[in-house]
Amino acid sequence: MPEQHTGQKNTLMGVLCYLGPLVIISFLVAKDDPFVKYHIKQGLVLLVISAIVWVVSMTMWQFWMFYQLINLGIFILAVLGIINVVQGKEAPLPLVGQFGKHFNI
């Protein structure tokens, strides 16, 4: 069962984790908080996937529609992550959440 956590500062820092490069703010301010640290890792997974999709789409623009679908999926996962933060949960994101454990923070 996912862990639950509360706290206004932690919620704000957790939400920032899912807003692309703003994950850096959460990392600099609250990386010592286990709740925020968990969401930093999840946010970094999404950021890395976004960067890879962006780089690949610059070289293979013929598949732009496919890349837009991936970007929509990333957006949906970010919204799910934000919902988890607001609810105080540490639940992995579908499909990509298990990759967060590979970030050593």
C-alpha atoms as a PDB file:
ATOM      1  CA  MET A   1       0.000   0.000   0.000  1.00  0.00           C
ATOM      2  CA  PRO A   2       1.398   3.472  -0.881  1.00  0.00           C
ATOM      3  CA  GLU A   3       2.689   5.629   1.933  1.00  0.00           C
ATOM      4  CA  GLN A   4       0.738   8.747   2.875  1.00  0.00           C
ATOM      5  CA  HIS A   5       2.294  12.078   3.802  1.00  0.00           C
ATOM      6  CA  THR A   6       1.015  15.559   4.519  1.00  0.00           C
ATOM      7  CA  GLY A   7       2.504  19.032   4.721  1.00  0.00           C
ATOM      8  CA  GLN A   8       1.990  22.195   2.711  1.00  0.00           C
ATOM      9  CA  LYS A   9       5.666  22.741   1.848  1.00  0.00           C
ATOM     10  CA  ASN A  10       6.069  19.102   0.897  1.00  0.00           C
ATOM     11  CA  THR A  11       2.997  19.306  -1.318  1.00  0.00           C
ATOM     12  CA  LEU A  12       4.323  22.349  -3.183  1.00  0.00           C
ATOM     13  CA  MET A  13       7.765  20.795  -3.650  1.00  0.00           C
ATOM     14  CA  GLY A  14       6.142  17.526  -4.756  1.00  0.00           C
ATOM     15  CA  VAL A  15       3.994  19.271  -7.357  1.00  0.00           C
ATOM     16  CA  LEU A  16       7.044  21.087  -8.748  1.00  0.00           C
ATOM     17  CA  CYS A  17       8.655  17.684  -9.355  1.00  0.00           C
ATOM     18  CA  TYR A  18       6.179  17.002 -12.150  1.00  0.00           C
ATOM     19  CA  LEU A  19       6.539  20.354 -13.910  1.00  0.00           C
ATOM     20  CA  GLY A  20       9.515  19.544 -16.119  1.00  0.00           C
ATOM     21  CA  PRO A  21      12.713  21.431 -15.307  1.00  0.00           C
ATOM     22  CA  LEU A  22      11.157  22.825 -12.108  1.00  0.00           C
ATOM     23  CA  VAL A  23      12.126  19.518 -10.509  1.00  0.00           C
ATOM     24  CA  ILE A  24      15.475  21.246  -9.921  1.00  0.00           C
ATOM     25  CA  ILE A  25      13.833  23.589  -7.390  1.00  0.00           C
ATOM     26  CA  SER A  26      12.472  20.644  -5.422  1.00  0.00           C
ATOM     27  CA  PHE A  27      15.871  18.978  -5.561  1.00  0.00           C
ATOM     28  CA  LEU A  28      17.678  22.047  -4.251  1.00  0.00           C
ATOM     29  CA  VAL A  29      15.141  22.894  -1.537  1.00  0.00           C
ATOM     30  CA  ALA A  30      13.779  19.610  -0.198  1.00  0.00           C
ATOM     31  CA  LYS A  31      15.820  16.631  -1.364  1.00  0.00           C
ATOM     32  CA  ASP A  32      16.281  15.472   2.248  1.00  0.00           C
ATOM     33  CA  ASP A  33      12.536  14.907   2.702  1.00  0.00           C
ATOM     34  CA  PRO A  34      11.762  11.257   1.799  1.00  0.00           C
ATOM     35  CA  PHE A  35       8.319  12.156   0.389  1.00  0.00           C
ATOM     36  CA  VAL A  36       9.708  14.848  -1.913  1.00  0.00           C
ATOM     37  CA  LYS A  37      12.711  12.698  -2.795  1.00  0.00           C
ATOM     38  CA  TYR A  38      10.382   9.950  -4.040  1.00  0.00           C
ATOM     39  CA  HIS A  39       8.536  12.402  -6.284  1.00  0.00           C
ATOM     40  CA  ILE A  40      11.792  13.977  -7.478  1.00  0.00           C
ATOM     41  CA  LYS A  41      12.805  10.571  -8.808  1.00  0.00           C
ATOM     42  CA  GLN A  42       9.433  10.103 -10.515  1.00  0.00           C
ATOM     43  CA  GLY A  43       9.640  13.604 -12.019  1.00  0.00           C
ATOM     44  CA  LEU A  44      13.179  12.979 -13.259  1.00  0.00           C
ATOM     45  CA  VAL A  45      11.968   9.890 -15.108  1.00  0.00           C
ATOM     46  CA  LEU A  46       9.391  12.005 -16.945  1.00  0.00           C
ATOM     47  CA  LEU A  47      11.945  14.750 -17.634  1.00  0.00           C
ATOM     48  CA  VAL A  48      14.445  12.271 -19.108  1.00  0.00           C
ATOM     49  CA  ILE A  49      11.758  10.697 -21.296  1.00  0.00           C
ATOM     50  CA  SER A  50      10.695  14.160 -22.482  1.00  0.00           C
ATOM     51  CA  ALA A  51      14.282  15.083 -23.331  1.00  0.00           C
ATOM     52  CA  ILE A  52      14.824  11.851 -25.249  1.00  0.00           C
ATOM     53  CA  VAL A  53      11.591  12.339 -27.195  1.00  0.00           C
ATOM     54  CA  TRP A  54      12.580  15.930 -27.985  1.00  0.00           C
ATOM     55  CA  VAL A  55      16.049  14.960 -29.250  1.00  0.00           C
ATOM     56  CA  VAL A  56      14.741  12.070 -31.333  1.00  0.00           C
ATOM     57  CA  SER A  57      11.919  14.187 -32.760  1.00  0.00           C
ATOM     58  CA  MET A  58      14.460  16.762 -33.945  1.00  0.00           C
ATOM     59  CA  THR A  59      16.237  14.122 -36.006  1.00  0.00           C
ATOM     60  CA  MET A  60      13.234  12.096 -37.169  1.00  0.00           C
ATOM     61  CA  TRP A  61      10.535  14.710 -37.659  1.00  0.00           C
ATOM     62  CA  GLN A  62       8.552  12.415 -39.991  1.00  0.00           C
ATOM     63  CA  PHE A  63       7.025  10.725 -36.937  1.00  0.00           C
ATOM     64  CA  TRP A  64       5.878  13.956 -35.268  1.00  0.00           C
ATOM     65  CA  MET A  65       2.375  12.578 -34.648  1.00  0.00           C
ATOM     66  CA  PHE A  66       3.794   9.620 -32.742  1.00  0.00           C
ATOM     67  CA  TYR A  67       5.916  12.000 -30.652  1.00  0.00           C
ATOM     68  CA  GLN A  68       2.849  14.084 -29.865  1.00  0.00           C
ATOM     69  CA  LEU A  69       1.122  10.965 -28.547  1.00  0.00           C
ATOM     70  CA  ILE A  70       4.121  10.256 -26.324  1.00  0.00           C
ATOM     71  CA  ASN A  71       4.042  13.857 -25.083  1.00  0.00           C
ATOM     72  CA  LEU A  72       0.335  13.473 -24.285  1.00  0.00           C
ATOM     73  CA  GLY A  73       1.175  10.328 -22.309  1.00  0.00           C
ATOM     74  CA  ILE A  74       3.888  12.202 -20.400  1.00  0.00           C
ATOM     75  CA  PHE A  75       1.401  14.967 -19.606  1.00  0.00           C
ATOM     76  CA  ILE A  76      -1.144  12.441 -18.309  1.00  0.00           C
ATOM     77  CA  LEU A  77       1.507  10.772 -16.149  1.00  0.00           C
ATOM     78  CA  ALA A  78       2.536  14.166 -14.757  1.00  0.00           C
ATOM     79  CA  VAL A  79      -1.094  14.897 -13.836  1.00  0.00           C
ATOM     80  CA  LEU A  80      -1.310  11.494 -12.117  1.00  0.00           C
ATOM     81  CA  GLY A  81       1.882  12.318 -10.213  1.00  0.00           C
ATOM     82  CA  ILE A  82       0.480  15.665  -9.093  1.00  0.00           C
ATOM     83  CA  ILE A  83      -2.714  13.951  -7.936  1.00  0.00           C
ATOM     84  CA  ASN A  84      -0.607  11.500  -5.901  1.00  0.00           C
ATOM     85  CA  VAL A  85       1.288  14.389  -4.311  1.00  0.00           C
ATOM     86  CA  VAL A  86      -1.880  16.285  -3.389  1.00  0.00           C
ATOM     87  CA  GLN A  87      -3.310  13.106  -1.865  1.00  0.00           C
ATOM     88  CA  GLY A  88      -0.071  12.529   0.060  1.00  0.00           C
ATOM     89  CA  LYS A  89       0.733   9.236  -1.684  1.00  0.00           C
ATOM     90  CA  GLU A  90       3.989   7.672  -2.796  1.00  0.00           C
ATOM     91  CA  ALA A  91       2.572   5.568  -5.622  1.00  0.00           C
ATOM     92  CA  PRO A  92       4.672   4.736  -8.705  1.00  0.00           C
ATOM     93  CA  LEU A  93       3.514   6.117 -12.021  1.00  0.00           C
ATOM     94  CA  PRO A  94       2.097   3.565 -14.455  1.00  0.00           C
ATOM     95  CA  LEU A  95       4.578   2.141 -16.999  1.00  0.00           C
ATOM     96  CA  VAL A  96       7.554   4.330 -15.995  1.00  0.00           C
ATOM     97  CA  GLY A  97       7.458   4.618 -12.197  1.00  0.00           C
ATOM     98  CA  GLN A  98       9.764   1.674 -11.570  1.00  0.00           C
ATOM     99  CA  PHE A  99      12.644   3.510 -13.286  1.00  0.00           C
ATOM    100  CA  GLY A 100      12.769   6.136 -10.529  1.00  0.00           C
ATOM    101  CA  LYS A 101      14.732   3.807  -8.270  1.00  0.00           C
ATOM    102  CA  HIS A 102      17.698   4.107 -10.647  1.00  0.00           C
ATOM    103  CA  PHE A 103      18.271   7.744  -9.662  1.00  0.00           C
ATOM    104  CA  ASN A 104      20.611   7.948  -6.661  1.00  0.00           C
ATOM    105  CA  ILE A 105      19.751  11.156  -4.880  1.00  0.00           C
END
